[in-house]
Amino acid sequence: MRPCRSTSTHPRRGPRSLRPLAAPAALALVLVASGCAGAPEPRAGASTAEAAGFPVEISSCGHTSTLERPAERAVTMNQGATEVALALGVEDRLVGTAYLDDRVPRRWAAAYAGVPVLSPEYPTREELLAVEPDLVYGAYASAFDAGAAGSRAELESSGTHAYLSPFGCDDADQRPDASFAAVWEEVDAVAAAFGVPARAARLRAEQEQQLAALEAERAGAGLDVLWYDSGDKTPYVGAGAGGPQLVLDAVGATNVFADQPGSWVEASWEKVVEADPDVVVLADASWSSAAEKVAYLAADPVLGGLRAVREQRFVTVAFSESTAGVRLVDGAVSVAQQLAGLDAS
């Protein structure tokens, strides 16, 4: 079952164009240096530099949390949020996690295994508060629905800070344009909350190097690509302003639905047949596997005639590597490698 996402990332609720934030400061984190004597003591194993600089404000989607000290008992409500924490190496400060879309990558599997899973989907507010979190971090607005964590304002009133990914804002006007830079800004904010800004800077530098290598390689040059997320009677596909478009741009390929607004769009099979893509990228998720989509395409008398289907020119990408998040660069690297493999076969 798929979590209820914002319309920028959830094709089942219909696409909406991503627009810049009303003001850059709404996304950017604001670090407020304390004027009081005696900065918080560094946590065990953390450097003094990482623990300094508090209090800190983190803002997104019209909500600001002020942390007087680094988060020590955080809960991540979605896989995207969990993986940001894992990428920053703060798994020892997670007291709970929830809602996977697919598998956590191997490099973080051991770290993830040590984090308590509060619920296979969203925990209730009671289950959440039972672990006494000091920070709740969600990738989608639905994480803060009444049936889950409750509103961010309610959490703050109980002494628990809350942060929602800017890409998950309910208000389209508050969402940033999908970009790798916007992803890194979110990671910066989360790193600030945990007091580990240097780790975010290292991650950004590593991913910038990976993207530069992909730009030089251009494994997708000259290829028309369909990004097929889910759906059978009507396909949900990657559109021109989201994670799939960023990945295809990074590898130099052409998205056959690049002219459509938003991250995802409900398309038509007639348009797919008309485009006759060279390659089909298949999102692999718990609610719609790549294998199921291949079987559907091959069994259909019309879609089975597409060149990409006839020649089995498929690329598979984990759903978590197709959304604007810390694994999006991994998705681009994976797509480039698989495209190179298709050309070599």
C-alpha atoms as a PDB file:
ATOM      1  CA  MET A   1       0.000   0.000   0.000  1.00  0.00           C
ATOM      2  CA  ARG A   2       1.338   3.356  -1.011  1.00  0.00           C
ATOM      3  CA  PRO A   3       1.537   6.244   1.481  1.00  0.00           C
ATOM      4  CA  CYS A   4      -0.636   9.259   0.779  1.00  0.00           C
ATOM      5  CA  ARG A   5       1.826  11.741  -0.644  1.00  0.00           C
ATOM      6  CA  SER A   6       1.676  15.327  -1.721  1.00  0.00           C
ATOM      7  CA  THR A   7       0.457  15.775  -5.278  1.00  0.00           C
ATOM      8  CA  SER A   8       3.953  16.712  -6.413  1.00  0.00           C
ATOM      9  CA  THR A   9       5.103  13.136  -5.835  1.00  0.00           C
ATOM     10  CA  HIS A  10       1.971  10.992  -5.747  1.00  0.00           C
ATOM     11  CA  PRO A  11       0.595  10.242  -9.211  1.00  0.00           C
ATOM     12  CA  ARG A  12      -2.614   8.729  -7.869  1.00  0.00           C
ATOM     13  CA  ARG A  13      -3.722  12.124  -6.619  1.00  0.00           C
ATOM     14  CA  GLY A  14      -2.912  13.904  -9.835  1.00  0.00           C
ATOM     15  CA  PRO A  15       0.106  16.041 -10.776  1.00  0.00           C
ATOM     16  CA  ARG A  16       0.619  19.641  -9.823  1.00  0.00           C
ATOM     17  CA  SER A  17       3.399  21.861 -11.016  1.00  0.00           C
ATOM     18  CA  LEU A  18       6.260  22.452  -8.650  1.00  0.00           C
ATOM     19  CA  ARG A  19       6.840  26.119  -7.960  1.00  0.00           C
ATOM     20  CA  PRO A  20       9.561  27.979  -6.098  1.00  0.00           C
ATOM     21  CA  LEU A  21       9.099  28.829  -2.451  1.00  0.00           C
ATOM     22  CA  ALA A  22       7.475  32.153  -1.712  1.00  0.00           C
ATOM     23  CA  ALA A  23      10.803  33.289  -0.305  1.00  0.00           C
ATOM     24  CA  PRO A  24      14.195  31.545  -0.335  1.00  0.00           C
ATOM     25  CA  ALA A  25      14.385  31.795   3.434  1.00  0.00           C
ATOM     26  CA  ALA A  26      11.360  29.547   3.746  1.00  0.00           C
ATOM     27  CA  LEU A  27      13.451  26.591   2.625  1.00  0.00           C
ATOM     28  CA  ALA A  28      16.851  27.572   3.877  1.00  0.00           C
ATOM     29  CA  LEU A  29      17.696  26.709   7.435  1.00  0.00           C
ATOM     30  CA  VAL A  30      18.557  29.557   9.747  1.00  0.00           C
ATOM     31  CA  LEU A  31      21.301  29.026  12.251  1.00  0.00           C
ATOM     32  CA  VAL A  32      20.983  31.206  15.313  1.00  0.00           C
ATOM     33  CA  ALA A  33      24.094  31.445  17.415  1.00  0.00           C
ATOM     34  CA  SER A  34      23.399  31.369  21.114  1.00  0.00           C
ATOM     35  CA  GLY A  35      24.316  34.449  23.059  1.00  0.00           C
ATOM     36  CA  CYS A  36      24.296  32.534  26.352  1.00  0.00           C
ATOM     37  CA  ALA A  37      27.404  31.207  28.011  1.00  0.00           C
ATOM     38  CA  GLY A  38      27.961  27.472  27.895  1.00  0.00           C
ATOM     39  CA  ALA A  39      27.229  25.795  24.554  1.00  0.00           C
ATOM     40  CA  PRO A  40      25.655  22.335  24.749  1.00  0.00           C
ATOM     41  CA  GLU A  41      28.045  19.525  25.494  1.00  0.00           C
ATOM     42  CA  PRO A  42      28.915  17.368  22.473  1.00  0.00           C
ATOM     43  CA  ARG A  43      27.203  13.993  22.442  1.00  0.00           C
ATOM     44  CA  ALA A  44      29.366  10.924  22.925  1.00  0.00           C
ATOM     45  CA  GLY A  45      31.479  10.341  19.828  1.00  0.00           C
ATOM     46  CA  ALA A  46      30.645  13.689  18.244  1.00  0.00           C
ATOM     47  CA  SER A  47      33.168  16.426  17.650  1.00  0.00           C
ATOM     48  CA  THR A  48      32.892  19.749  19.420  1.00  0.00           C
ATOM     49  CA  ALA A  49      32.528  21.415  16.006  1.00  0.00           C
ATOM     50  CA  GLU A  50      29.532  19.220  15.158  1.00  0.00           C
ATOM     51  CA  ALA A  51      27.753  19.934  18.465  1.00  0.00           C
ATOM     52  CA  ALA A  52      28.346  23.685  18.430  1.00  0.00           C
ATOM     53  CA  GLY A  53      26.130  26.358  16.903  1.00  0.00           C
ATOM     54  CA  PHE A  54      22.904  25.881  18.829  1.00  0.00           C
ATOM     55  CA  PRO A  55      20.144  26.915  19.115  1.00  0.00           C
ATOM     56  CA  VAL A  56      19.216  26.194  15.512  1.00  0.00           C
ATOM     57  CA  GLU A  57      16.061  26.918  13.522  1.00  0.00           C
ATOM     58  CA  ILE A  58      14.870  24.612  10.742  1.00  0.00           C
ATOM     59  CA  SER A  59      12.020  25.829   8.551  1.00  0.00           C
ATOM     60  CA  SER A  60       9.852  24.310   5.848  1.00  0.00           C
ATOM     61  CA  CYS A  61       6.261  24.479   4.610  1.00  0.00           C
ATOM     62  CA  GLY A  62       5.426  27.456   6.812  1.00  0.00           C
ATOM     63  CA  HIS A  63       6.612  25.845  10.050  1.00  0.00           C
ATOM     64  CA  THR A  64       9.746  26.596  12.073  1.00  0.00           C
ATOM     65  CA  SER A  65      11.256  24.479  14.831  1.00  0.00           C
ATOM     66  CA  THR A  66      13.883  25.853  17.182  1.00  0.00           C
ATOM     67  CA  LEU A  67      16.222  23.222  18.615  1.00  0.00           C
ATOM     68  CA  GLU A  68      18.197  24.223  21.693  1.00  0.00           C
ATOM     69  CA  ARG A  69      20.456  21.195  21.330  1.00  0.00           C
ATOM     70  CA  PRO A  70      21.148  18.450  18.752  1.00  0.00           C
ATOM     71  CA  ALA A  71      18.340  15.951  18.212  1.00  0.00           C
ATOM     72  CA  GLU A  72      18.993  12.782  20.224  1.00  0.00           C
ATOM     73  CA  ARG A  73      15.692  10.858  19.979  1.00  0.00           C
ATOM     74  CA  ALA A  74      14.380  11.299  16.448  1.00  0.00           C
ATOM     75  CA  VAL A  75      11.702   9.380  14.545  1.00  0.00           C
ATOM     76  CA  THR A  76      11.625   9.236  10.739  1.00  0.00           C
ATOM     77  CA  MET A  77       8.170   8.643   9.303  1.00  0.00           C
ATOM     78  CA  ASN A  78       9.013   7.742   5.677  1.00  0.00           C
ATOM     79  CA  GLN A  79      11.806   5.943   3.889  1.00  0.00           C
ATOM     80  CA  GLY A  80      13.076   9.148   2.301  1.00  0.00           C
ATOM     81  CA  ALA A  81      13.472  10.772   5.716  1.00  0.00           C
ATOM     82  CA  THR A  82      15.055   7.631   7.166  1.00  0.00           C
ATOM     83  CA  GLU A  83      17.643   7.503   4.413  1.00  0.00           C
ATOM     84  CA  VAL A  84      18.666  11.121   4.924  1.00  0.00           C
ATOM     85  CA  ALA A  85      19.366  10.240   8.560  1.00  0.00           C
ATOM     86  CA  LEU A  86      21.283   7.113   7.539  1.00  0.00           C
ATOM     87  CA  ALA A  87      23.303   9.049   4.966  1.00  0.00           C
ATOM     88  CA  LEU A  88      24.278  11.488   7.723  1.00  0.00           C
ATOM     89  CA  GLY A  89      25.310   8.630  10.010  1.00  0.00           C
ATOM     90  CA  VAL A  90      22.918   9.490  12.851  1.00  0.00           C
ATOM     91  CA  GLU A  91      21.157   6.128  13.055  1.00  0.00           C
ATOM     92  CA  ASP A  92      22.205   5.845  16.717  1.00  0.00           C
ATOM     93  CA  ARG A  93      19.945   8.814  17.410  1.00  0.00           C
ATOM     94  CA  LEU A  94      16.832   7.304  15.799  1.00  0.00           C
ATOM     95  CA  VAL A  95      14.385   5.799  18.287  1.00  0.00           C
ATOM     96  CA  GLY A  96      11.954   4.789  15.583  1.00  0.00           C
ATOM     97  CA  THR A  97      11.180   4.618  11.883  1.00  0.00           C
ATOM     98  CA  ALA A  98       8.264   3.653   9.655  1.00  0.00           C
ATOM     99  CA  TYR A  99       6.884   3.177   6.134  1.00  0.00           C
ATOM    100  CA  LEU A 100       9.217   1.678   3.537  1.00  0.00           C
ATOM    101  CA  ASP A 101       8.540   2.100  -0.179  1.00  0.00           C
ATOM    102  CA  ASP A 102      11.145  -0.493  -1.148  1.00  0.00           C
ATOM    103  CA  ARG A 103      14.406  -1.838   0.260  1.00  0.00           C
ATOM    104  CA  VAL A 104      16.926   0.251   2.138  1.00  0.00           C
ATOM    105  CA  PRO A 105      20.162   0.021   0.106  1.00  0.00           C
ATOM    106  CA  ARG A 106      22.812  -2.470   1.173  1.00  0.00           C
ATOM    107  CA  ARG A 107      25.264   0.170   2.356  1.00  0.00           C
ATOM    108  CA  TRP A 108      22.798   1.299   5.031  1.00  0.00           C
ATOM    109  CA  ALA A 109      21.139  -2.050   5.741  1.00  0.00           C
ATOM    110  CA  ALA A 110      23.105  -2.793   8.919  1.00  0.00           C
ATOM    111  CA  ALA A 111      22.512   0.689  10.297  1.00  0.00           C
ATOM    112  CA  TYR A 112      18.795   0.478   9.469  1.00  0.00           C
ATOM    113  CA  ALA A 113      18.516  -2.933  11.131  1.00  0.00           C
ATOM    114  CA  GLY A 114      19.412  -1.335  14.460  1.00  0.00           C
ATOM    115  CA  VAL A 115      16.540   1.183  14.340  1.00  0.00           C
ATOM    116  CA  PRO A 116      13.188   0.128  15.875  1.00  0.00           C
ATOM    117  CA  VAL A 117      10.349  -0.065  13.341  1.00  0.00           C
ATOM    118  CA  LEU A 118       7.344   1.513  15.037  1.00  0.00           C
ATOM    119  CA  SER A 119       4.903   0.474  12.304  1.00  0.00           C
ATOM    120  CA  PRO A 120       5.001  -1.022   8.785  1.00  0.00           C
ATOM    121  CA  GLU A 121       3.033   2.045   7.713  1.00  0.00           C
ATOM    122  CA  TYR A 122       2.452   5.133   9.872  1.00  0.00           C
ATOM    123  CA  PRO A 123       2.494   4.751  13.663  1.00  0.00           C
ATOM    124  CA  THR A 124      -0.354   6.282  15.603  1.00  0.00           C
ATOM    125  CA  ARG A 125       0.304   9.393  17.627  1.00  0.00           C
ATOM    126  CA  GLU A 126       0.217   7.262  20.780  1.00  0.00           C
ATOM    127  CA  GLU A 127       2.779   4.794  19.388  1.00  0.00           C
ATOM    128  CA  LEU A 128       4.956   7.702  18.338  1.00  0.00           C
ATOM    129  CA  LEU A 129       4.884   9.580  21.633  1.00  0.00           C
ATOM    130  CA  ALA A 130       5.553   6.362  23.549  1.00  0.00           C
ATOM    131  CA  VAL A 131       9.193   6.471  22.401  1.00  0.00           C
ATOM    132  CA  GLU A 132       9.530  10.096  23.574  1.00  0.00           C
ATOM    133  CA  PRO A 133      10.951  11.629  20.389  1.00  0.00           C
ATOM    134  CA  ASP A 134      12.540  15.063  20.391  1.00  0.00           C
ATOM    135  CA  LEU A 135      12.238  15.355  16.578  1.00  0.00           C
ATOM    136  CA  VAL A 136       9.781  13.859  14.074  1.00  0.00           C
ATOM    137  CA  TYR A 137      10.869  14.045  10.432  1.00  0.00           C
ATOM    138  CA  GLY A 138       8.498  13.219   7.583  1.00  0.00           C
ATOM    139  CA  ALA A 139       8.969  13.100   3.830  1.00  0.00           C
ATOM    140  CA  TYR A 140       5.262  13.608   3.060  1.00  0.00           C
ATOM    141  CA  ALA A 141       2.559  15.792   4.602  1.00  0.00           C
ATOM    142  CA  SER A 142       0.510  12.661   5.311  1.00  0.00           C
ATOM    143  CA  ALA A 143       3.022  11.785   8.041  1.00  0.00           C
ATOM    144  CA  PHE A 144       1.513  14.627  10.065  1.00  0.00           C
ATOM    145  CA  ASP A 145      -2.134  13.729   9.498  1.00  0.00           C
ATOM    146  CA  ALA A 146      -4.420  13.261  12.499  1.00  0.00           C
ATOM    147  CA  GLY A 147      -4.258   9.472  12.117  1.00  0.00           C
ATOM    148  CA  ALA A 148      -0.453   9.481  12.203  1.00  0.00           C
ATOM    149  CA  ALA A 149       1.873  11.842  14.093  1.00  0.00           C
ATOM    150  CA  GLY A 150      -0.649  14.660  14.330  1.00  0.00           C
ATOM    151  CA  SER A 151       0.065  18.174  13.167  1.00  0.00           C
ATOM    152  CA  ARG A 152       3.470  19.733  13.586  1.00  0.00           C
ATOM    153  CA  ALA A 153       1.925  22.423  15.779  1.00  0.00           C
ATOM    154  CA  GLU A 154       0.483  19.740  18.074  1.00  0.00           C
ATOM    155  CA  LEU A 155       3.836  18.015  18.320  1.00  0.00           C
ATOM    156  CA  GLU A 156       5.584  21.274  19.136  1.00  0.00           C
ATOM    157  CA  SER A 157       3.055  21.965  21.893  1.00  0.00           C
ATOM    158  CA  SER A 158       3.982  18.626  23.480  1.00  0.00           C
ATOM    159  CA  GLY A 159       7.700  19.449  23.314  1.00  0.00           C
ATOM    160  CA  THR A 160       8.524  17.476  20.158  1.00  0.00           C
ATOM    161  CA  HIS A 161      10.092  19.268  17.204  1.00  0.00           C
ATOM    162  CA  ALA A 162       8.825  18.505  13.696  1.00  0.00           C
ATOM    163  CA  TYR A 163      10.257  18.844  10.207  1.00  0.00           C
ATOM    164  CA  LEU A 164       8.554  18.102   6.886  1.00  0.00           C
ATOM    165  CA  SER A 165      10.513  17.761   3.669  1.00  0.00           C
ATOM    166  CA  PRO A 166       9.966  20.898   1.569  1.00  0.00           C
ATOM    167  CA  PHE A 167       9.061  18.587  -1.336  1.00  0.00           C
ATOM    168  CA  GLY A 168       6.152  17.296   0.755  1.00  0.00           C
ATOM    169  CA  CYS A 169       4.460  20.629   1.434  1.00  0.00           C
ATOM    170  CA  ASP A 170       0.683  20.515   0.990  1.00  0.00           C
ATOM    171  CA  ASP A 171       0.800  24.020  -0.480  1.00  0.00           C
ATOM    172  CA  ALA A 172       2.307  23.877  -3.972  1.00  0.00           C
ATOM    173  CA  ASP A 173       3.486  27.473  -3.596  1.00  0.00           C
ATOM    174  CA  GLN A 174       5.755  26.390  -0.745  1.00  0.00           C
ATOM    175  CA  ARG A 175       7.457  23.544  -2.599  1.00  0.00           C
ATOM    176  CA  PRO A 176      10.837  24.161  -4.197  1.00  0.00           C
ATOM    177  CA  ASP A 177      11.498  23.413  -7.835  1.00  0.00           C
ATOM    178  CA  ALA A 178      12.833  19.865  -8.047  1.00  0.00           C
ATOM    179  CA  SER A 179      16.607  20.061  -8.230  1.00  0.00           C
ATOM    180  CA  PHE A 180      19.635  18.399  -6.733  1.00  0.00           C
ATOM    181  CA  ALA A 181      20.442  21.694  -5.005  1.00  0.00           C
ATOM    182  CA  ALA A 182      17.035  21.666  -3.282  1.00  0.00           C
ATOM    183  CA  VAL A 183      17.678  18.101  -2.097  1.00  0.00           C
ATOM    184  CA  TRP A 184      20.993  19.178  -0.614  1.00  0.00           C
ATOM    185  CA  GLU A 185      19.322  22.108   1.133  1.00  0.00           C
ATOM    186  CA  GLU A 186      16.969  19.677   2.865  1.00  0.00           C
ATOM    187  CA  VAL A 187      19.916  17.519   3.900  1.00  0.00           C
ATOM    188  CA  ASP A 188      21.620  20.652   5.244  1.00  0.00           C
ATOM    189  CA  ALA A 189      18.573  21.432   7.395  1.00  0.00           C
ATOM    190  CA  VAL A 190      18.407  17.911   8.817  1.00  0.00           C
ATOM    191  CA  ALA A 191      22.154  17.890   9.446  1.00  0.00           C
ATOM    192  CA  ALA A 192      21.779  21.175  11.328  1.00  0.00           C
ATOM    193  CA  ALA A 193      19.077  19.629  13.533  1.00  0.00           C
ATOM    194  CA  PHE A 194      21.442  16.804  14.454  1.00  0.00           C
ATOM    195  CA  GLY A 195      24.441  19.120  14.770  1.00  0.00           C
ATOM    196  CA  VAL A 196      26.436  17.449  11.977  1.00  0.00           C
ATOM    197  CA  PRO A 197      26.675  20.067   9.189  1.00  0.00           C
ATOM    198  CA  ALA A 198      30.100  18.861   8.030  1.00  0.00           C
ATOM    199  CA  ARG A 199      28.625  15.492   7.102  1.00  0.00           C
ATOM    200  CA  ALA A 200      26.070  17.162   4.831  1.00  0.00           C
ATOM    201  CA  ALA A 201      28.823  19.130   3.128  1.00  0.00           C
ATOM    202  CA  ARG A 202      30.806  15.939   2.459  1.00  0.00           C
ATOM    203  CA  LEU A 203      27.725  14.193   1.042  1.00  0.00           C
ATOM    204  CA  ARG A 204      27.026  17.109  -1.282  1.00  0.00           C
ATOM    205  CA  ALA A 205      30.625  17.155  -2.538  1.00  0.00           C
ATOM    206  CA  GLU A 206      30.500  13.415  -3.258  1.00  0.00           C
ATOM    207  CA  GLN A 207      27.241  13.674  -5.162  1.00  0.00           C
ATOM    208  CA  GLU A 208      28.427  16.692  -7.155  1.00  0.00           C
ATOM    209  CA  GLN A 209      31.405  14.615  -8.315  1.00  0.00           C
ATOM    210  CA  GLN A 210      29.110  11.764  -9.348  1.00  0.00           C
ATOM    211  CA  LEU A 211      26.884  14.108 -11.344  1.00  0.00           C
ATOM    212  CA  ALA A 212      29.891  15.663 -13.083  1.00  0.00           C
ATOM    213  CA  ALA A 213      31.022  12.195 -14.163  1.00  0.00           C
ATOM    214  CA  LEU A 214      27.556  11.383 -15.507  1.00  0.00           C
ATOM    215  CA  GLU A 215      27.439  14.648 -17.439  1.00  0.00           C
ATOM    216  CA  ALA A 216      30.729  13.795 -19.105  1.00  0.00           C
ATOM    217  CA  GLU A 217      29.603  10.245 -19.903  1.00  0.00           C
ATOM    218  CA  ARG A 218      26.088  11.053 -21.261  1.00  0.00           C
ATOM    219  CA  ALA A 219      25.059   7.391 -21.349  1.00  0.00           C
ATOM    220  CA  GLY A 220      21.535   8.310 -22.457  1.00  0.00           C
ATOM    221  CA  ALA A 221      22.408  10.615 -25.331  1.00  0.00           C
ATOM    222  CA  GLY A 222      20.059  10.141 -28.293  1.00  0.00           C
ATOM    223  CA  LEU A 223      17.596   7.928 -26.408  1.00  0.00           C
ATOM    224  CA  ASP A 224      13.865   8.603 -25.972  1.00  0.00           C
ATOM    225  CA  VAL A 225      12.794   7.213 -22.605  1.00  0.00           C
ATOM    226  CA  LEU A 226       9.451   6.424 -20.968  1.00  0.00           C
ATOM    227  CA  TRP A 227       9.571   6.510 -17.152  1.00  0.00           C
ATOM    228  CA  TYR A 228       6.803   4.103 -16.138  1.00  0.00           C
ATOM    229  CA  ASP A 229       5.843   4.358 -12.469  1.00  0.00           C
ATOM    230  CA  SER A 230       2.604   2.394 -12.145  1.00  0.00           C
ATOM    231  CA  GLY A 231      -0.898   1.865 -13.522  1.00  0.00           C
ATOM    232  CA  ASP A 232      -2.272  -0.381 -16.243  1.00  0.00           C
ATOM    233  CA  LYS A 233      -5.435   1.000 -17.799  1.00  0.00           C
ATOM    234  CA  THR A 234      -3.863   4.433 -17.449  1.00  0.00           C
ATOM    235  CA  PRO A 235      -0.095   4.777 -16.994  1.00  0.00           C
ATOM    236  CA  TYR A 236       1.460   7.054 -14.384  1.00  0.00           C
ATOM    237  CA  VAL A 237       4.698   8.331 -15.814  1.00  0.00           C
ATOM    238  CA  GLY A 238       7.582  10.610 -14.969  1.00  0.00           C
ATOM    239  CA  ALA A 239       6.851  14.154 -16.145  1.00  0.00           C
ATOM    240  CA  GLY A 240       9.036  17.186 -16.748  1.00  0.00           C
ATOM    241  CA  ALA A 241       9.587  18.671 -13.295  1.00  0.00           C
ATOM    242  CA  GLY A 242      10.490  15.946 -10.824  1.00  0.00           C
ATOM    243  CA  GLY A 243      12.947  13.231  -9.906  1.00  0.00           C
ATOM    244  CA  PRO A 244      12.634  11.223 -13.146  1.00  0.00           C
ATOM    245  CA  GLN A 245      13.340  14.320 -15.230  1.00  0.00           C
ATOM    246  CA  LEU A 246      16.395  15.177 -13.113  1.00  0.00           C
ATOM    247  CA  VAL A 247      17.748  11.656 -13.571  1.00  0.00           C
ATOM    248  CA  LEU A 248      17.161  11.643 -17.331  1.00  0.00           C
ATOM    249  CA  ASP A 249      18.740  15.084 -17.657  1.00  0.00           C
ATOM    250  CA  ALA A 250      21.744  13.867 -15.670  1.00  0.00           C
ATOM    251  CA  VAL A 251      22.346  10.972 -18.085  1.00  0.00           C
ATOM    252  CA  GLY A 252      21.570  12.988 -21.233  1.00  0.00           C
ATOM    253  CA  ALA A 253      18.390  11.104 -22.227  1.00  0.00           C
ATOM    254  CA  THR A 254      15.105  12.577 -23.493  1.00  0.00           C
ATOM    255  CA  ASN A 255      11.944  12.077 -21.444  1.00  0.00           C
ATOM    256  CA  VAL A 256       9.019  11.437 -23.823  1.00  0.00           C
ATOM    257  CA  PHE A 257       6.725  13.236 -21.356  1.00  0.00           C
ATOM    258  CA  ALA A 258       9.063  16.122 -20.573  1.00  0.00           C
ATOM    259  CA  ASP A 259       6.438  18.596 -21.784  1.00  0.00           C
ATOM    260  CA  GLN A 260       4.057  17.607 -18.977  1.00  0.00           C
ATOM    261  CA  PRO A 261       4.073  19.651 -15.726  1.00  0.00           C
ATOM    262  CA  GLY A 262       4.850  18.291 -12.288  1.00  0.00           C
ATOM    263  CA  SER A 263       6.787  15.263 -11.121  1.00  0.00           C
ATOM    264  CA  TRP A 264       4.311  12.645 -12.343  1.00  0.00           C
ATOM    265  CA  VAL A 265       1.387  12.696 -14.730  1.00  0.00           C
ATOM    266  CA  GLU A 266      -1.481  10.445 -15.730  1.00  0.00           C
ATOM    267  CA  ALA A 267      -0.699   9.820 -19.383  1.00  0.00           C
ATOM    268  CA  SER A 268      -2.337   7.666 -22.061  1.00  0.00           C
ATOM    269  CA  TRP A 269      -1.168   4.505 -23.734  1.00  0.00           C
ATOM    270  CA  GLU A 270      -1.975   6.111 -27.083  1.00  0.00           C
ATOM    271  CA  LYS A 271       0.690   8.748 -26.417  1.00  0.00           C
ATOM    272  CA  VAL A 272       3.143   6.049 -25.340  1.00  0.00           C
ATOM    273  CA  VAL A 273       2.543   4.102 -28.560  1.00  0.00           C
ATOM    274  CA  GLU A 274       2.952   7.288 -30.559  1.00  0.00           C
ATOM    275  CA  ALA A 275       6.292   8.008 -28.848  1.00  0.00           C
ATOM    276  CA  ASP A 276       7.528   4.381 -29.225  1.00  0.00           C
ATOM    277  CA  PRO A 277      10.380   4.956 -26.729  1.00  0.00           C
ATOM    278  CA  ASP A 278      13.818   3.452 -27.137  1.00  0.00           C
ATOM    279  CA  VAL A 279      13.929   2.487 -23.448  1.00  0.00           C
ATOM    280  CA  VAL A 280      11.397   2.051 -20.635  1.00  0.00           C
ATOM    281  CA  VAL A 281      12.517   2.882 -17.110  1.00  0.00           C
ATOM    282  CA  LEU A 282      10.499   0.868 -14.595  1.00  0.00           C
ATOM    283  CA  ALA A 283       9.994   2.111 -11.047  1.00  0.00           C
ATOM    284  CA  ASP A 284      10.283  -0.850  -8.682  1.00  0.00           C
ATOM    285  CA  ALA A 285       8.132  -0.382  -5.573  1.00  0.00           C
ATOM    286  CA  SER A 286       6.304  -2.486  -3.022  1.00  0.00           C
ATOM    287  CA  TRP A 287       2.928  -1.541  -4.539  1.00  0.00           C
ATOM    288  CA  SER A 288       3.966  -1.919  -8.201  1.00  0.00           C
ATOM    289  CA  SER A 289       6.984  -4.045  -9.004  1.00  0.00           C
ATOM    290  CA  ALA A 290       9.060  -3.791 -12.158  1.00  0.00           C
ATOM    291  CA  ALA A 291       8.291  -7.442 -12.953  1.00  0.00           C
ATOM    292  CA  GLU A 292       4.541  -6.776 -12.849  1.00  0.00           C
ATOM    293  CA  LYS A 293       4.907  -3.892 -15.269  1.00  0.00           C
ATOM    294  CA  VAL A 294       7.056  -5.903 -17.692  1.00  0.00           C
ATOM    295  CA  ALA A 295       4.462  -8.691 -17.667  1.00  0.00           C
ATOM    296  CA  TYR A 296       1.653  -6.232 -18.356  1.00  0.00           C
ATOM    297  CA  LEU A 297       3.470  -4.566 -21.250  1.00  0.00           C
ATOM    298  CA  ALA A 298       4.450  -7.874 -22.835  1.00  0.00           C
ATOM    299  CA  ALA A 299       0.943  -9.341 -22.560  1.00  0.00           C
ATOM    300  CA  ASP A 300      -0.804  -6.382 -24.186  1.00  0.00           C
ATOM    301  CA  PRO A 301      -1.187  -6.926 -27.960  1.00  0.00           C
ATOM    302  CA  VAL A 302      -0.433  -3.267 -28.736  1.00  0.00           C
ATOM    303  CA  LEU A 303       2.103  -2.352 -26.073  1.00  0.00           C
ATOM    304  CA  GLY A 304       3.940  -5.601 -26.718  1.00  0.00           C
ATOM    305  CA  GLY A 305       4.790  -4.191 -30.149  1.00  0.00           C
ATOM    306  CA  LEU A 306       6.738  -1.250 -28.756  1.00  0.00           C
ATOM    307  CA  ARG A 307      10.386  -1.454 -29.717  1.00  0.00           C
ATOM    308  CA  ALA A 308      11.555  -1.253 -26.092  1.00  0.00           C
ATOM    309  CA  VAL A 309       9.224  -4.107 -25.119  1.00  0.00           C
ATOM    310  CA  ARG A 310      10.052  -6.316 -28.105  1.00  0.00           C
ATOM    311  CA  GLU A 311      13.780  -5.910 -27.499  1.00  0.00           C
ATOM    312  CA  GLN A 312      13.527  -6.011 -23.701  1.00  0.00           C
ATOM    313  CA  ARG A 313      15.138  -2.610 -23.383  1.00  0.00           C
ATOM    314  CA  PHE A 314      14.161  -2.078 -19.757  1.00  0.00           C
ATOM    315  CA  VAL A 315      15.910  -0.231 -16.959  1.00  0.00           C
ATOM    316  CA  THR A 316      14.784  -0.848 -13.374  1.00  0.00           C
ATOM    317  CA  VAL A 317      15.088   1.781 -10.651  1.00  0.00           C
ATOM    318  CA  ALA A 318      14.000   1.541  -7.026  1.00  0.00           C
ATOM    319  CA  PHE A 319      11.161   3.965  -6.377  1.00  0.00           C
ATOM    320  CA  SER A 320      13.277   5.603  -3.659  1.00  0.00           C
ATOM    321  CA  GLU A 321      15.833   6.477  -6.329  1.00  0.00           C
ATOM    322  CA  SER A 322      13.230   8.238  -8.469  1.00  0.00           C
ATOM    323  CA  THR A 323      12.016  10.810  -5.948  1.00  0.00           C
ATOM    324  CA  ALA A 324      13.679  14.060  -4.958  1.00  0.00           C
ATOM    325  CA  GLY A 325      15.788  12.798  -2.078  1.00  0.00           C
ATOM    326  CA  VAL A 326      19.205  11.693  -0.932  1.00  0.00           C
ATOM    327  CA  ARG A 327      19.179   8.634  -3.260  1.00  0.00           C
ATOM    328  CA  LEU A 328      18.288  10.489  -6.446  1.00  0.00           C
ATOM    329  CA  VAL A 329      21.929  10.634  -7.542  1.00  0.00           C
ATOM    330  CA  ASP A 330      22.117   6.867  -6.941  1.00  0.00           C
ATOM    331  CA  GLY A 331      19.192   6.564  -9.335  1.00  0.00           C
ATOM    332  CA  ALA A 332      21.023   8.545 -11.985  1.00  0.00           C
ATOM    333  CA  VAL A 333      24.145   6.412 -11.596  1.00  0.00           C
ATOM    334  CA  SER A 334      22.085   3.211 -11.816  1.00  0.00           C
ATOM    335  CA  VAL A 335      20.217   4.379 -14.928  1.00  0.00           C
ATOM    336  CA  ALA A 336      23.485   5.337 -16.637  1.00  0.00           C
ATOM    337  CA  GLN A 337      25.052   1.959 -15.882  1.00  0.00           C
ATOM    338  CA  GLN A 338      22.025   0.045 -17.138  1.00  0.00           C
ATOM    339  CA  LEU A 339      21.799   2.120 -20.322  1.00  0.00           C
ATOM    340  CA  ALA A 340      25.457   1.413 -20.998  1.00  0.00           C
ATOM    341  CA  GLY A 341      24.712  -2.284 -20.493  1.00  0.00           C
ATOM    342  CA  LEU A 342      21.854  -2.173 -23.005  1.00  0.00           C
ATOM    343  CA  ASP A 343      24.085  -0.603 -25.623  1.00  0.00           C
ATOM    344  CA  ALA A 344      26.786  -3.190 -24.971  1.00  0.00           C
ATOM    345  CA  SER A 345      24.411  -6.141 -25.383  1.00  0.00           C
END
